Amino acid sequence: FLIALAAQDSWGAVTEIYPGESFKA
C-alpha cells in the first residue's frame, strides 16, 4: 500500500479548468 501511494504521488499534477479559463494555456 505504501509503495502504491508513493508512486501515485509522483505520477503527475492534476489541473481542473472551468468556463472562462483558457483551455489552450
PDB file of all heavy atoms in Angstrom:
ATOM      1  N   PHE A   1       0.833  -1.207   0.000  1.00  0.00           N
ATOM      2  CA  PHE A   1       0.000   0.000   0.000  1.00  0.00           C
ATOM      3  C   PHE A   1       0.863   1.251   0.000  1.00  0.00           C
ATOM      4  O   PHE A   1       0.607   2.197  -0.738  1.00  0.00           O
ATOM      5  CB  PHE A   1      -0.937  -0.017   1.216  1.00  0.00           C
ATOM      6  CG  PHE A   1      -1.720   1.247   1.372  1.00  0.00           C
ATOM      7  CD1 PHE A   1      -2.799   1.520   0.548  1.00  0.00           C
ATOM      8  CD2 PHE A   1      -1.376   2.184   2.330  1.00  0.00           C
ATOM      9  CE1 PHE A   1      -3.528   2.685   0.681  1.00  0.00           C
ATOM     10  CE2 PHE A   1      -2.084   3.357   2.479  1.00  0.00           C
ATOM     11  CZ  PHE A   1      -3.170   3.606   1.649  1.00  0.00           C
ATOM     12  N   LEU A   2       1.899   1.282   0.823  1.00  0.00           N
ATOM     13  CA  LEU A   2       2.773   2.453   0.906  1.00  0.00           C
ATOM     14  C   LEU A   2       3.537   2.686  -0.397  1.00  0.00           C
ATOM     15  O   LEU A   2       3.709   3.829  -0.825  1.00  0.00           O
ATOM     16  CB  LEU A   2       3.740   2.319   2.078  1.00  0.00           C
ATOM     17  CG  LEU A   2       3.096   2.391   3.466  1.00  0.00           C
ATOM     18  CD1 LEU A   2       4.128   2.111   4.556  1.00  0.00           C
ATOM     19  CD2 LEU A   2       2.429   3.726   3.690  1.00  0.00           C
ATOM     20  N   ILE A   3       3.955   1.625  -1.040  1.00  0.00           N
ATOM     21  CA  ILE A   3       4.646   1.751  -2.327  1.00  0.00           C
ATOM     22  C   ILE A   3       3.689   2.301  -3.383  1.00  0.00           C
ATOM     23  O   ILE A   3       4.042   3.201  -4.150  1.00  0.00           O
ATOM     24  CB  ILE A   3       5.243   0.395  -2.769  1.00  0.00           C
ATOM     25  CG1 ILE A   3       6.419   0.034  -1.852  1.00  0.00           C
ATOM     26  CG2 ILE A   3       5.676   0.435  -4.234  1.00  0.00           C
ATOM     27  CD1 ILE A   3       6.942  -1.364  -2.039  1.00  0.00           C
ATOM     28  N   ALA A   4       2.468   1.801  -3.419  1.00  0.00           N
ATOM     29  CA  ALA A   4       1.478   2.291  -4.378  1.00  0.00           C
ATOM     30  C   ALA A   4       1.140   3.755  -4.118  1.00  0.00           C
ATOM     31  O   ALA A   4       0.996   4.551  -5.047  1.00  0.00           O
ATOM     32  CB  ALA A   4       0.213   1.439  -4.311  1.00  0.00           C
ATOM     33  N   LEU A   5       1.033   4.124  -2.857  1.00  0.00           N
ATOM     34  CA  LEU A   5       0.735   5.502  -2.501  1.00  0.00           C
ATOM     35  C   LEU A   5       1.868   6.439  -2.923  1.00  0.00           C
ATOM     36  O   LEU A   5       1.630   7.509  -3.471  1.00  0.00           O
ATOM     37  CB  LEU A   5       0.490   5.619  -0.993  1.00  0.00           C
ATOM     38  CG  LEU A   5       0.039   6.969  -0.465  1.00  0.00           C
ATOM     39  CD1 LEU A   5      -1.284   7.374  -1.093  1.00  0.00           C
ATOM     40  CD2 LEU A   5      -0.077   6.915   1.044  1.00  0.00           C
ATOM     41  N   ALA A   6       3.094   6.033  -2.702  1.00  0.00           N
ATOM     42  CA  ALA A   6       4.249   6.851  -3.101  1.00  0.00           C
ATOM     43  C   ALA A   6       4.307   7.007  -4.613  1.00  0.00           C
ATOM     44  O   ALA A   6       4.590   8.086  -5.125  1.00  0.00           O
ATOM     45  CB  ALA A   6       5.537   6.224  -2.572  1.00  0.00           C
ATOM     46  N   ALA A   7       4.003   5.965  -5.345  1.00  0.00           N
ATOM     47  CA  ALA A   7       4.017   6.028  -6.808  1.00  0.00           C
ATOM     48  C   ALA A   7       2.920   6.961  -7.313  1.00  0.00           C
ATOM     49  O   ALA A   7       3.114   7.709  -8.259  1.00  0.00           O
ATOM     50  CB  ALA A   7       3.837   4.633  -7.395  1.00  0.00           C
ATOM     51  N   GLN A   8       1.771   6.937  -6.675  1.00  0.00           N
ATOM     52  CA  GLN A   8       0.670   7.787  -7.085  1.00  0.00           C
ATOM     53  C   GLN A   8       1.019   9.256  -6.888  1.00  0.00           C
ATOM     54  O   GLN A   8       0.723  10.092  -7.727  1.00  0.00           O
ATOM     55  CB  GLN A   8      -0.585   7.443  -6.289  1.00  0.00           C
ATOM     56  CG  GLN A   8      -1.796   8.268  -6.685  1.00  0.00           C
ATOM     57  CD  GLN A   8      -3.017   7.918  -5.866  1.00  0.00           C
ATOM     58  OE1 GLN A   8      -2.924   7.236  -4.860  1.00  0.00           O
ATOM     59  NE2 GLN A   8      -4.157   8.389  -6.298  1.00  0.00           N
ATOM     60  N   ASP A   9       1.647   9.600  -5.795  1.00  0.00           N
ATOM     61  CA  ASP A   9       2.002  10.984  -5.517  1.00  0.00           C
ATOM     62  C   ASP A   9       3.007  11.538  -6.518  1.00  0.00           C
ATOM     63  O   ASP A   9       3.021  12.724  -6.789  1.00  0.00           O
ATOM     64  CB  ASP A   9       2.568  11.132  -4.098  1.00  0.00           C
ATOM     65  CG  ASP A   9       1.489  10.973  -3.040  1.00  0.00           C
ATOM     66  OD1 ASP A   9       0.293  11.085  -3.380  1.00  0.00           O
ATOM     67  OD2 ASP A   9       1.843  10.739  -1.876  1.00  0.00           O
ATOM     68  N   SER A  10       3.845  10.688  -7.072  1.00  0.00           N
ATOM     69  CA  SER A  10       4.859  11.166  -8.010  1.00  0.00           C
ATOM     70  C   SER A  10       4.391  11.071  -9.462  1.00  0.00           C
ATOM     71  O   SER A  10       5.142  11.356 -10.366  1.00  0.00           O
ATOM     72  CB  SER A  10       6.144  10.357  -7.824  1.00  0.00           C
ATOM     73  OG  SER A  10       5.919   9.003  -8.154  1.00  0.00           O
ATOM     74  N   TRP A  11       3.161  10.656  -9.689  1.00  0.00           N
ATOM     75  CA  TRP A  11       2.668  10.430 -11.041  1.00  0.00           C
ATOM     76  C   TRP A  11       2.606  11.719 -11.837  1.00  0.00           C
ATOM     77  O   TRP A  11       3.106  11.807 -12.930  1.00  0.00           O
ATOM     78  CB  TRP A  11       1.299   9.755 -10.976  1.00  0.00           C
ATOM     79  CG  TRP A  11       0.715   9.528 -12.319  1.00  0.00           C
ATOM     80  CD1 TRP A  11      -0.317  10.204 -12.875  1.00  0.00           C
ATOM     81  CD2 TRP A  11       1.123   8.575 -13.297  1.00  0.00           C
ATOM     82  NE1 TRP A  11      -0.586   9.738 -14.126  1.00  0.00           N
ATOM     83  CE2 TRP A  11       0.283   8.734 -14.411  1.00  0.00           C
ATOM     84  CE3 TRP A  11       2.109   7.618 -13.342  1.00  0.00           C
ATOM     85  CZ2 TRP A  11       0.416   7.948 -15.559  1.00  0.00           C
ATOM     86  CZ3 TRP A  11       2.229   6.845 -14.484  1.00  0.00           C
ATOM     87  CH2 TRP A  11       1.389   7.011 -15.565  1.00  0.00           C
ATOM     88  N   GLY A  12       1.963  12.732 -11.343  1.00  0.00           N
ATOM     89  CA  GLY A  12       1.864  13.986 -12.073  1.00  0.00           C
ATOM     90  C   GLY A  12       0.813  14.893 -11.465  1.00  0.00           C
ATOM     91  O   GLY A  12       0.084  14.511 -10.569  1.00  0.00           O
ATOM     92  N   ALA A  13       0.743  16.084 -11.991  1.00  0.00           N
ATOM     93  CA  ALA A  13      -0.194  17.080 -11.467  1.00  0.00           C
ATOM     94  C   ALA A  13      -1.587  16.871 -12.059  1.00  0.00           C
ATOM     95  O   ALA A  13      -1.731  16.405 -13.179  1.00  0.00           O
ATOM     96  CB  ALA A  13       0.301  18.477 -11.819  1.00  0.00           C
ATOM     97  N   VAL A  14      -2.595  17.231 -11.272  1.00  0.00           N
ATOM     98  CA  VAL A  14      -3.979  17.224 -11.740  1.00  0.00           C
ATOM     99  C   VAL A  14      -4.446  18.675 -11.754  1.00  0.00           C
ATOM    100  O   VAL A  14      -4.391  19.360 -10.738  1.00  0.00           O
ATOM    101  CB  VAL A  14      -4.893  16.372 -10.828  1.00  0.00           C
ATOM    102  CG1 VAL A  14      -6.346  16.472 -11.281  1.00  0.00           C
ATOM    103  CG2 VAL A  14      -4.430  14.927 -10.805  1.00  0.00           C
ATOM    104  N   THR A  15      -4.872  19.145 -12.930  1.00  0.00           N
ATOM    105  CA  THR A  15      -5.339  20.511 -13.100  1.00  0.00           C
ATOM    106  C   THR A  15      -6.793  20.474 -13.536  1.00  0.00           C
ATOM    107  O   THR A  15      -7.165  19.668 -14.390  1.00  0.00           O
ATOM    108  CB  THR A  15      -4.504  21.237 -14.184  1.00  0.00           C
ATOM    109  OG1 THR A  15      -3.133  21.210 -13.803  1.00  0.00           O
ATOM    110  CG2 THR A  15      -4.955  22.673 -14.358  1.00  0.00           C
ATOM    111  N   GLU A  16      -7.615  21.332 -12.950  1.00  0.00           N
ATOM    112  CA  GLU A  16      -9.014  21.447 -13.349  1.00  0.00           C
ATOM    113  C   GLU A  16      -9.235  22.842 -13.932  1.00  0.00           C
ATOM    114  O   GLU A  16      -8.726  23.822 -13.395  1.00  0.00           O
ATOM    115  CB  GLU A  16      -9.940  21.233 -12.160  1.00  0.00           C
ATOM    116  CG  GLU A  16      -9.826  19.837 -11.581  1.00  0.00           C
ATOM    117  CD  GLU A  16     -10.901  19.535 -10.554  1.00  0.00           C
ATOM    118  OE1 GLU A  16     -12.093  19.857 -10.807  1.00  0.00           O
ATOM    119  OE2 GLU A  16     -10.557  18.982  -9.507  1.00  0.00           O
ATOM    120  N   ILE A  17      -9.987  22.900 -15.039  1.00  0.00           N
ATOM    121  CA  ILE A  17     -10.322  24.204 -15.602  1.00  0.00           C
ATOM    122  C   ILE A  17     -11.838  24.331 -15.712  1.00  0.00           C
ATOM    123  O   ILE A  17     -12.554  23.339 -15.835  1.00  0.00           O
ATOM    124  CB  ILE A  17      -9.647  24.477 -16.961  1.00  0.00           C
ATOM    125  CG1 ILE A  17     -10.059  23.462 -18.019  1.00  0.00           C
ATOM    126  CG2 ILE A  17      -8.148  24.535 -16.819  1.00  0.00           C
ATOM    127  CD1 ILE A  17      -9.624  23.848 -19.421  1.00  0.00           C
ATOM    128  N   TYR A  18     -12.285  25.585 -15.690  1.00  0.00           N
ATOM    129  CA  TYR A  18     -13.703  25.921 -15.720  1.00  0.00           C
ATOM    130  C   TYR A  18     -13.941  26.924 -16.839  1.00  0.00           C
ATOM    131  O   TYR A  18     -13.018  27.609 -17.273  1.00  0.00           O
ATOM    132  CB  TYR A  18     -14.120  26.517 -14.365  1.00  0.00           C
ATOM    133  CG  TYR A  18     -13.934  25.554 -13.211  1.00  0.00           C
ATOM    134  CD1 TYR A  18     -12.705  25.436 -12.563  1.00  0.00           C
ATOM    135  CD2 TYR A  18     -14.983  24.756 -12.792  1.00  0.00           C
ATOM    136  CE1 TYR A  18     -12.533  24.537 -11.520  1.00  0.00           C
ATOM    137  CE2 TYR A  18     -14.826  23.860 -11.745  1.00  0.00           C
ATOM    138  CZ  TYR A  18     -13.594  23.748 -11.113  1.00  0.00           C
ATOM    139  OH  TYR A  18     -13.423  22.860 -10.083  1.00  0.00           O
ATOM    140  N   PRO A  19     -15.214  27.036 -17.308  1.00  0.00           N
ATOM    141  CA  PRO A  19     -15.524  28.014 -18.351  1.00  0.00           C
ATOM    142  C   PRO A  19     -14.983  29.395 -17.980  1.00  0.00           C
ATOM    143  O   PRO A  19     -15.026  29.802 -16.823  1.00  0.00           O
ATOM    144  CB  PRO A  19     -17.056  28.014 -18.402  1.00  0.00           C
ATOM    145  CG  PRO A  19     -17.423  26.631 -17.949  1.00  0.00           C
ATOM    146  CD  PRO A  19     -16.405  26.291 -16.893  1.00  0.00           C
ATOM    147  N   GLY A  20     -14.456  30.075 -18.982  1.00  0.00           N
ATOM    148  CA  GLY A  20     -13.861  31.385 -18.759  1.00  0.00           C
ATOM    149  C   GLY A  20     -12.352  31.319 -18.628  1.00  0.00           C
ATOM    150  O   GLY A  20     -11.654  32.316 -18.776  1.00  0.00           O
ATOM    151  N   GLU A  21     -11.827  30.127 -18.335  1.00  0.00           N
ATOM    152  CA  GLU A  21     -10.377  29.948 -18.260  1.00  0.00           C
ATOM    153  C   GLU A  21      -9.871  29.498 -19.628  1.00  0.00           C
ATOM    154  O   GLU A  21     -10.637  29.025 -20.464  1.00  0.00           O
ATOM    155  CB  GLU A  21     -10.020  28.922 -17.177  1.00  0.00           C
ATOM    156  CG  GLU A  21     -10.424  29.353 -15.793  1.00  0.00           C
ATOM    157  CD  GLU A  21     -10.104  28.330 -14.719  1.00  0.00           C
ATOM    158  OE1 GLU A  21      -9.673  27.211 -15.036  1.00  0.00           O
ATOM    159  OE2 GLU A  21     -10.292  28.670 -13.552  1.00  0.00           O
ATOM    160  N   SER A  22      -8.593  29.626 -19.851  1.00  0.00           N
ATOM    161  CA  SER A  22      -8.001  29.287 -21.140  1.00  0.00           C
ATOM    162  C   SER A  22      -7.684  27.792 -21.238  1.00  0.00           C
ATOM    163  O   SER A  22      -6.819  27.281 -20.522  1.00  0.00           O
ATOM    164  CB  SER A  22      -6.724  30.091 -21.373  1.00  0.00           C
ATOM    165  OG  SER A  22      -6.084  29.658 -22.556  1.00  0.00           O
ATOM    166  N   PHE A  23      -8.375  27.115 -22.160  1.00  0.00           N
ATOM    167  CA  PHE A  23      -8.097  25.709 -22.419  1.00  0.00           C
ATOM    168  C   PHE A  23      -6.692  25.560 -22.979  1.00  0.00           C
ATOM    169  O   PHE A  23      -5.932  24.682 -22.587  1.00  0.00           O
ATOM    170  CB  PHE A  23      -9.135  25.139 -23.393  1.00  0.00           C
ATOM    171  CG  PHE A  23      -8.892  23.705 -23.766  1.00  0.00           C
ATOM    172  CD1 PHE A  23      -9.270  22.691 -22.912  1.00  0.00           C
ATOM    173  CD2 PHE A  23      -8.281  23.376 -24.959  1.00  0.00           C
ATOM    174  CE1 PHE A  23      -9.045  21.356 -23.249  1.00  0.00           C
ATOM    175  CE2 PHE A  23      -8.056  22.053 -25.308  1.00  0.00           C
ATOM    176  CZ  PHE A  23      -8.435  21.042 -24.445  1.00  0.00           C
ATOM    177  N   LYS A  24      -6.342  26.448 -23.899  1.00  0.00           N
ATOM    178  CA  LYS A  24      -5.027  26.391 -24.546  1.00  0.00           C
ATOM    179  C   LYS A  24      -3.903  26.514 -23.525  1.00  0.00           C
ATOM    180  O   LYS A  24      -2.951  25.734 -23.531  1.00  0.00           O
ATOM    181  CB  LYS A  24      -4.904  27.490 -25.596  1.00  0.00           C
ATOM    182  CG  LYS A  24      -3.592  27.490 -26.326  1.00  0.00           C
ATOM    183  CD  LYS A  24      -3.519  28.600 -27.351  1.00  0.00           C
ATOM    184  CE  LYS A  24      -2.156  28.565 -28.017  1.00  0.00           C
ATOM    185  NZ  LYS A  24      -1.969  29.640 -28.961  1.00  0.00           N
ATOM    186  N   ALA A  25      -4.005  27.487 -22.630  1.00  0.00           N
ATOM    187  CA  ALA A  25      -2.965  27.676 -21.609  1.00  0.00           C
ATOM    188  C   ALA A  25      -2.866  26.464 -20.689  1.00  0.00           C
ATOM    189  O   ALA A  25      -1.768  26.046 -20.321  1.00  0.00           O
ATOM    190  CB  ALA A  25      -3.247  28.934 -20.790  1.00  0.00           C
TER     191      ALA A  25
END
